[in-house]
Amino acid sequence: MTESIQLSGWEANNDRDIDVICLGRAGVDFYGATDGADFNAEPGFKKCVGGSPANVAIGLATLGAKAGFISCLTDDAQGRYVRAYMEGKGINLDGVATLSGEYRTSLAVAELRPEPEVVIYRNNAADLALSVEHIDSHFISNARCLFVSGTALSTSPSREATICAMQMAQMAGTLVVLDLDYRPYSWASAEDPPHLYRLAASFSDVVIGNREEFAVMGFPHDIEERHVSAASELLSGNTELVIVKGGAEGCEVFGLDGNNNLTGLSQAIFQVEARKPYGAGDAFAAALLFGLLNNCTLQDAVAMGAANAAINVTGDTCADAMSDLESLKAFMLSRSYQFSSTVLNQGVTTSHKVIKE
């Protein structure tokens, strides 16, 4: 597999107001304030916004992209904090509904260490109350890309709302990216994820997951085969790019070449001393999408994702540890990475047209 992966549509719709809308959960995270401490020894915690789709939106905004968000938040202190934080990052929250009553904005408590225990409170989670009525086709059609967390598929009414949003995006020419984001505790039955993941993948231009998540989707966990079978099946439909994350082993990227044959590339991790593991996948997705939407080569975009992940795990939160573009480029250059994209060598600028009033 040596020929280049052929992608289409990433340069399109650059006059739309939003680069990427992320759909799914946003919540509050409490991170341990002491490196290496377990919960019993931890004297205090640092507050920040969390939730994988929220982290991706924040990562995109920090890099300079125009991000939007679709979810539900509660009309209480936690919900208002999340809203204010994301608004402060310049994220468009026109797709975020406010709920009251029994719903709660999610809360996570995490130790700050390389192998932490993370406790997540998701009872009556507000984001899973997202319904079809909350989905605005105009909002989605005003974006170049829709990023969907697979956790949003785990229960109704969020499940139906998510599929609806993906269908609207497809009809509007908005690219769709599915991050499998498998969280076992979110699903009532282990029989549901394979069917629903495959259904969502049928509307997706890009599918991202780790090896275990592709196994949950129904594809065998076979490192020797490098998930060629999974990629082949998904790429036979609407999907153009399949990314299989392998943790410390980096990631494998699959697509089709100009002759419609399976091809791929690999990306190693950037070695750093990690303070915690969480946030890496969200940082990877943010920088990958930023690169693709700014006319970078696929290899550079994937490398940017790996670099952003490495930077993030050296921080003490997920959202606050997202890198800006200049810091990301400097980090990669310090590790002797050679950019092939002219746009990166010259400095990436936003792709939006300037409209004179």
Protein backbone atom coordinates (compact mmCIF):
# COMPACT_ATOMS: atom_id res chain seq x y z
CA MET A 1 0.00 0.00 0.00
CA THR A 2 2.08 2.88 -1.28
CA GLU A 3 -0.20 5.07 -3.40
CA SER A 4 -1.68 8.23 -1.89
CA ILE A 5 -5.11 8.19 -0.28
CA GLN A 6 -7.59 10.17 -2.32
CA LEU A 7 -9.87 12.51 -0.36
CA SER A 8 -12.62 14.77 -1.64
CA GLY A 9 -14.60 17.67 -0.24
CA TRP A 10 -12.18 19.01 2.36
CA GLU A 11 -11.47 22.14 0.34
CA ALA A 12 -15.17 22.79 -0.30
CA ASN A 13 -17.58 25.19 1.40
CA ASN A 14 -14.83 27.41 2.77
CA ASP A 15 -17.23 30.34 2.72
CA ARG A 16 -19.40 28.77 5.42
CA ASP A 17 -19.42 30.49 8.80
CA ILE A 18 -18.40 27.44 10.85
CA ASP A 19 -15.55 25.01 10.24
CA VAL A 20 -16.63 22.16 12.51
CA ILE A 21 -19.72 21.57 14.65
CA CYS A 22 -19.16 18.99 17.38
CA LEU A 23 -22.11 16.99 18.70
CA GLY A 24 -22.27 15.21 22.05
CA ARG A 25 -21.45 15.69 25.67
CA ALA A 26 -19.99 18.66 27.48
CA GLY A 27 -19.49 18.59 31.21
CA VAL A 28 -17.40 19.63 34.18
CA ASP A 29 -14.14 17.88 35.06
CA PHE A 30 -12.35 18.01 38.40
CA TYR A 31 -8.69 17.11 37.93
CA GLY A 32 -6.33 16.25 40.75
CA ALA A 33 -3.95 19.10 41.50
CA THR A 34 -1.03 16.89 42.56
CA ASP A 35 1.05 14.92 40.05
CA GLY A 36 1.05 11.22 40.82
CA ALA A 37 -1.38 11.39 43.75
CA ASP A 38 -4.24 8.94 44.13
CA PHE A 39 -7.65 10.15 45.29
CA ASN A 40 -6.99 9.44 48.98
CA ALA A 41 -3.85 11.58 48.99
CA GLU A 42 -5.15 14.37 46.76
CA PRO A 43 -5.73 17.63 48.72
CA GLY A 44 -7.47 19.59 45.98
CA PHE A 45 -8.84 19.65 42.46
CA LYS A 46 -8.76 21.93 39.42
CA LYS A 47 -12.02 22.69 37.62
CA CYS A 48 -12.27 22.65 33.83
CA VAL A 49 -14.69 21.80 31.02
CA GLY A 50 -14.61 18.22 29.77
CA GLY A 51 -16.43 15.69 27.63
CA SER A 52 -14.83 14.41 24.44
CA PRO A 53 -16.84 16.43 21.86
CA ALA A 54 -16.47 19.60 23.95
CA ASN A 55 -12.73 19.01 24.15
CA VAL A 56 -12.54 18.61 20.36
CA ALA A 57 -14.45 21.86 19.85
CA ILE A 58 -12.15 23.64 22.30
CA GLY A 59 -9.10 22.15 20.60
CA LEU A 60 -10.30 23.39 17.22
CA ALA A 61 -11.03 26.87 18.55
CA THR A 62 -7.61 27.05 20.22
CA LEU A 63 -5.94 26.23 16.90
CA GLY A 64 -7.89 29.04 15.24
CA ALA A 65 -10.83 27.22 13.68
CA LYS A 66 -14.42 28.40 13.90
CA ALA A 67 -16.15 25.78 16.02
CA GLY A 68 -19.79 25.17 16.88
CA PHE A 69 -21.52 22.81 19.28
CA ILE A 70 -24.75 20.78 19.52
CA SER A 71 -25.81 19.43 22.90
CA CYS A 72 -27.93 20.13 25.97
CA LEU A 73 -26.75 21.82 29.17
CA THR A 74 -28.59 22.38 32.43
CA ASP A 75 -29.76 25.68 33.84
CA ASP A 76 -27.61 25.42 36.95
CA ALA A 77 -24.13 26.35 38.12
CA GLN A 78 -22.41 23.55 36.20
CA GLY A 79 -24.29 24.10 32.99
CA ARG A 80 -23.72 27.85 33.13
CA TYR A 81 -20.01 27.31 33.79
CA VAL A 82 -19.65 25.07 30.73
CA ARG A 83 -21.55 27.53 28.57
CA ALA A 84 -19.47 30.51 29.73
CA TYR A 85 -16.18 28.64 29.23
CA MET A 86 -17.04 27.55 25.68
CA GLU A 87 -18.38 30.99 24.76
CA GLY A 88 -15.12 32.43 26.06
CA LYS A 89 -13.30 30.24 23.54
CA GLY A 90 -15.41 31.72 20.73
CA ILE A 91 -17.43 28.54 20.13
CA ASN A 92 -20.85 29.03 18.53
CA LEU A 93 -23.44 27.55 20.92
CA ASP A 94 -26.53 28.21 18.81
CA GLY A 95 -27.06 24.43 18.76
CA VAL A 96 -27.02 24.07 22.56
CA ALA A 97 -30.35 23.77 24.37
CA THR A 98 -30.88 24.57 28.07
CA LEU A 99 -32.70 22.03 30.25
CA SER A 100 -34.08 22.11 33.78
CA GLY A 101 -35.70 19.55 36.05
CA GLU A 102 -34.11 16.16 36.67
CA TYR A 103 -31.30 16.49 34.11
CA ARG A 104 -27.70 17.09 35.11
CA THR A 105 -24.63 18.29 33.24
CA SER A 106 -22.06 15.50 33.48
CA LEU A 107 -19.32 15.53 36.11
CA ALA A 108 -16.00 13.67 36.07
CA VAL A 109 -13.37 13.38 38.81
CA ALA A 110 -9.90 12.33 37.66
CA GLU A 111 -6.56 11.64 39.28
CA LEU A 112 -3.52 13.35 37.74
CA ARG A 113 -1.23 10.43 37.04
CA PRO A 114 -0.22 8.23 34.08
CA GLU A 115 -2.65 5.45 35.05
CA PRO A 116 -5.45 7.36 36.76
CA GLU A 117 -8.79 6.33 38.10
CA VAL A 118 -11.56 8.45 36.56
CA VAL A 119 -15.07 8.47 38.05
CA ILE A 120 -17.83 9.85 35.82
CA TYR A 121 -21.34 10.82 36.94
CA ARG A 122 -23.83 10.40 34.08
CA ASN A 123 -27.20 9.86 35.76
CA ASN A 124 -29.88 11.74 33.77
CA ALA A 125 -27.12 13.22 31.64
CA ALA A 126 -28.31 16.39 29.93
CA ASP A 127 -26.50 15.70 26.66
CA LEU A 128 -28.35 12.39 26.24
CA ALA A 129 -31.65 14.33 26.35
CA LEU A 130 -30.77 15.87 22.97
CA SER A 131 -33.78 15.30 20.71
CA VAL A 132 -34.62 15.63 17.04
CA GLU A 133 -36.42 18.90 17.84
CA HIS A 134 -33.10 20.38 18.97
CA ILE A 135 -31.42 19.75 15.61
CA ASP A 136 -31.41 22.79 13.31
CA SER A 137 -30.76 21.98 9.66
CA HIS A 138 -29.71 25.58 8.94
CA PHE A 139 -27.07 25.45 11.69
CA ILE A 140 -25.64 22.22 10.28
CA SER A 141 -25.71 23.41 6.67
CA ASN A 142 -23.70 26.46 7.74
CA ALA A 143 -20.74 24.24 8.72
CA ARG A 144 -18.07 22.54 6.65
CA CYS A 145 -17.88 19.51 8.93
CA LEU A 146 -19.93 17.74 11.64
CA PHE A 147 -17.99 15.79 14.28
CA VAL A 148 -20.07 13.20 16.17
CA SER A 149 -19.24 11.31 19.34
CA GLY A 150 -20.40 7.69 19.30
CA THR A 151 -21.55 8.00 22.91
CA ALA A 152 -24.41 10.16 21.63
CA LEU A 153 -25.76 7.01 19.94
CA SER A 154 -26.00 5.07 23.19
CA THR A 155 -29.58 5.91 24.17
CA SER A 156 -32.76 7.68 23.06
CA PRO A 157 -33.59 10.43 22.30
CA SER A 158 -29.95 11.40 21.67
CA ARG A 159 -29.57 8.40 19.35
CA GLU A 160 -32.27 9.56 16.96
CA ALA A 161 -31.12 13.19 17.15
CA THR A 162 -27.57 12.19 16.26
CA ILE A 163 -28.60 10.12 13.23
CA CYS A 164 -30.88 12.98 12.16
CA ALA A 165 -27.99 15.46 12.38
CA MET A 166 -25.73 13.15 10.36
CA GLN A 167 -28.38 12.76 7.65
CA MET A 168 -28.93 16.53 7.51
CA ALA A 169 -25.19 17.05 7.19
CA GLN A 170 -24.93 14.56 4.36
CA MET A 171 -27.74 16.28 2.47
CA ALA A 172 -26.14 19.70 3.02
CA GLY A 173 -22.73 18.64 1.73
CA THR A 174 -21.30 18.94 5.25
CA LEU A 175 -18.54 16.42 5.88
CA VAL A 176 -19.29 13.95 8.69
CA VAL A 177 -16.68 12.54 11.09
CA LEU A 178 -17.60 9.75 13.53
CA ASP A 179 -15.44 9.12 16.60
CA LEU A 180 -16.57 5.76 17.99
CA ASP A 181 -15.85 6.94 21.57
CA TYR A 182 -17.11 3.71 23.17
CA ARG A 183 -18.04 4.02 26.84
CA PRO A 184 -19.53 0.69 28.04
CA TYR A 185 -21.45 2.24 30.94
CA SER A 186 -23.47 4.40 28.52
CA TRP A 187 -25.04 1.44 26.70
CA ALA A 188 -27.94 -0.63 28.08
CA SER A 189 -27.03 -3.65 25.96
CA ALA A 190 -23.78 -4.87 24.42
CA GLU A 191 -25.79 -5.90 21.35
CA ASP A 192 -26.59 -2.31 20.38
CA PRO A 193 -23.21 -0.71 19.57
CA PRO A 194 -22.25 -2.84 16.50
CA HIS A 195 -25.51 -2.10 14.70
CA LEU A 196 -25.64 1.58 15.58
CA TYR A 197 -21.96 2.22 14.88
CA ARG A 198 -22.31 0.65 11.45
CA LEU A 199 -25.44 2.69 10.75
CA ALA A 200 -23.66 5.91 11.77
CA ALA A 201 -20.60 4.94 9.73
CA SER A 202 -22.80 4.72 6.63
CA PHE A 203 -23.32 8.50 6.91
CA SER A 204 -19.66 9.26 7.73
CA ASP A 205 -16.78 10.45 5.58
CA VAL A 206 -14.28 9.62 8.33
CA VAL A 207 -14.43 6.98 11.08
CA ILE A 208 -11.99 7.22 14.01
CA GLY A 209 -11.52 4.68 16.79
CA ASN A 210 -9.02 2.60 18.70
CA ARG A 211 -8.53 -1.12 18.16
CA GLU A 212 -10.89 -2.08 20.96
CA GLU A 213 -13.62 0.20 19.59
CA PHE A 214 -13.39 -1.33 16.12
CA ALA A 215 -13.68 -4.74 17.81
CA VAL A 216 -16.88 -3.55 19.53
CA MET A 217 -18.09 -2.43 16.09
CA GLY A 218 -17.81 -6.04 15.01
CA PHE A 219 -14.37 -6.16 13.42
CA PRO A 220 -11.75 -8.57 14.79
CA HIS A 221 -8.94 -7.27 16.96
CA ASP A 222 -6.08 -8.40 14.74
CA ILE A 223 -2.90 -6.35 14.96
CA GLU A 224 -1.17 -8.45 12.30
CA GLU A 225 -3.82 -7.58 9.75
CA ARG A 226 -3.71 -3.91 10.81
CA HIS A 227 -7.50 -3.84 10.62
CA VAL A 228 -7.42 -4.11 6.86
CA SER A 229 -10.72 -5.99 6.95
CA ALA A 230 -12.41 -3.21 8.91
CA ALA A 231 -11.06 -0.56 6.59
CA SER A 232 -12.02 -2.50 3.45
CA GLU A 233 -15.62 -2.92 4.57
CA LEU A 234 -16.09 0.67 5.71
CA LEU A 235 -14.42 2.12 2.62
CA SER A 236 -16.78 0.20 0.38
CA GLY A 237 -19.55 2.61 1.44
CA ASN A 238 -19.53 6.39 1.87
CA THR A 239 -16.49 6.45 4.16
CA GLU A 240 -13.25 7.79 2.66
CA LEU A 241 -10.94 7.61 5.65
CA VAL A 242 -10.57 5.09 8.49
CA ILE A 243 -8.22 5.88 11.37
CA VAL A 244 -7.27 3.13 13.82
CA LYS A 245 -5.54 4.45 16.93
CA GLY A 246 -3.08 2.14 18.67
CA GLY A 247 -2.05 4.10 21.75
CA ALA A 248 1.72 4.05 22.20
CA GLU A 249 2.04 2.31 18.82
CA GLY A 250 0.68 5.35 16.97
CA CYS A 251 -2.08 5.04 14.41
CA GLU A 252 -2.89 3.48 11.04
CA VAL A 253 -4.80 5.45 8.39
CA PHE A 254 -6.63 3.74 5.55
CA GLY A 255 -8.30 5.00 2.37
CA LEU A 256 -8.53 4.32 -1.34
CA ASP A 257 -6.04 5.42 -3.98
CA GLY A 258 -6.83 6.83 -7.43
CA ASN A 259 -7.41 3.29 -8.74
CA ASN A 260 -9.88 2.51 -5.94
CA ASN A 261 -7.42 0.17 -4.22
CA LEU A 262 -6.92 0.05 -0.46
CA THR A 263 -3.90 2.04 0.69
CA GLY A 264 -2.69 3.55 3.92
CA LEU A 265 -0.10 5.32 6.00
CA SER A 266 1.10 5.13 9.58
CA GLN A 267 2.01 7.73 12.17
CA ALA A 268 4.14 7.16 15.25
CA ILE A 269 3.57 9.04 18.48
CA PHE A 270 5.75 11.95 19.57
CA GLN A 271 7.55 10.77 22.69
CA VAL A 272 6.89 12.89 25.79
CA GLU A 273 6.67 12.36 29.54
CA ALA A 274 2.93 12.08 30.07
CA ARG A 275 1.30 13.40 33.22
CA LYS A 276 -2.03 11.75 32.33
CA PRO A 277 -3.49 9.80 29.36
CA TYR A 278 -6.91 11.42 28.96
CA GLY A 279 -7.40 14.15 26.35
CA ALA A 280 -4.99 12.66 23.81
CA GLY A 281 -7.68 11.35 21.45
CA ASP A 282 -9.61 14.62 21.54
CA ALA A 283 -6.48 16.66 20.81
CA PHE A 284 -5.64 14.29 17.96
CA ALA A 285 -9.07 14.72 16.36
CA ALA A 286 -9.00 18.51 16.70
CA ALA A 287 -5.64 18.96 15.00
CA LEU A 288 -6.39 16.34 12.34
CA LEU A 289 -9.58 18.13 11.29
CA PHE A 290 -7.90 21.52 11.45
CA GLY A 291 -5.18 20.29 9.12
CA LEU A 292 -7.54 18.71 6.62
CA LEU A 293 -9.76 21.79 6.48
CA ASN A 294 -6.73 24.03 5.90
CA ASN A 295 -5.43 22.20 2.83
CA CYS A 296 -2.65 20.31 4.60
CA THR A 297 -1.55 16.96 3.24
CA LEU A 298 -3.09 13.95 4.96
CA GLN A 299 0.32 12.95 6.35
CA ASP A 300 0.82 16.40 7.87
CA ALA A 301 -2.71 16.50 9.27
CA VAL A 302 -2.27 13.11 10.96
CA ALA A 303 1.13 14.16 12.32
CA MET A 304 -0.43 17.36 13.68
CA GLY A 305 -2.98 15.19 15.46
CA ALA A 306 -0.25 13.04 17.00
CA ALA A 307 1.69 16.13 18.09
CA ASN A 308 -1.35 17.76 19.65
CA ALA A 309 -2.06 14.54 21.55
CA ALA A 310 1.51 14.50 22.87
CA ILE A 311 1.30 18.11 24.01
CA ASN A 312 -2.04 17.50 25.69
CA VAL A 313 -0.89 14.62 27.89
CA THR A 314 1.85 16.83 29.33
CA GLY A 315 -0.81 19.22 30.68
CA ASP A 316 -2.97 18.96 33.79
CA THR A 317 -6.38 19.08 32.09
CA CYS A 318 -7.81 18.23 28.67
CA ALA A 319 -9.37 21.50 27.51
CA ASP A 320 -6.78 23.91 28.92
CA ALA A 321 -3.94 21.77 27.54
CA MET A 322 -5.02 22.14 23.90
CA SER A 323 -2.26 23.71 21.81
CA ASP A 324 -2.45 26.81 19.65
CA LEU A 325 -1.14 26.54 16.10
CA GLU A 326 2.21 28.24 16.52
CA SER A 327 3.06 26.16 19.60
CA LEU A 328 2.02 23.01 17.75
CA LYS A 329 4.23 23.81 14.78
CA ALA A 330 7.15 24.72 17.05
CA PHE A 331 6.78 21.43 18.94
CA MET A 332 6.83 19.44 15.69
CA LEU A 333 9.81 21.33 14.30
CA SER A 334 11.69 20.78 17.58
CA ARG A 335 11.18 17.05 17.00
CA SER A 336 12.64 17.38 13.47
CA TYR A 337 9.32 16.89 11.71
CA GLN A 338 9.50 18.08 8.09
CA PHE A 339 6.22 19.56 6.85
CA SER A 340 5.26 18.68 3.30
CA SER A 341 2.37 21.15 3.19
CA THR A 342 3.30 24.53 1.74
CA VAL A 343 0.56 26.09 3.82
CA LEU A 344 2.29 24.93 7.03
CA ASN A 345 5.71 26.04 5.94
CA GLN A 346 4.27 29.49 5.32
CA GLY A 347 1.97 29.49 8.33
CA VAL A 348 -1.62 28.30 8.31
CA THR A 349 -4.26 30.98 7.98
CA THR A 350 -8.01 30.63 8.18
CA SER A 351 -9.71 29.56 5.01
CA HIS A 352 -12.65 31.92 5.39
CA LYS A 353 -13.28 34.62 2.84
CA VAL A 354 -13.27 38.20 4.10
CA ILE A 355 -16.66 39.79 3.50
CA LYS A 356 -16.60 43.56 3.30
CA GLU A 357 -19.55 45.37 4.78
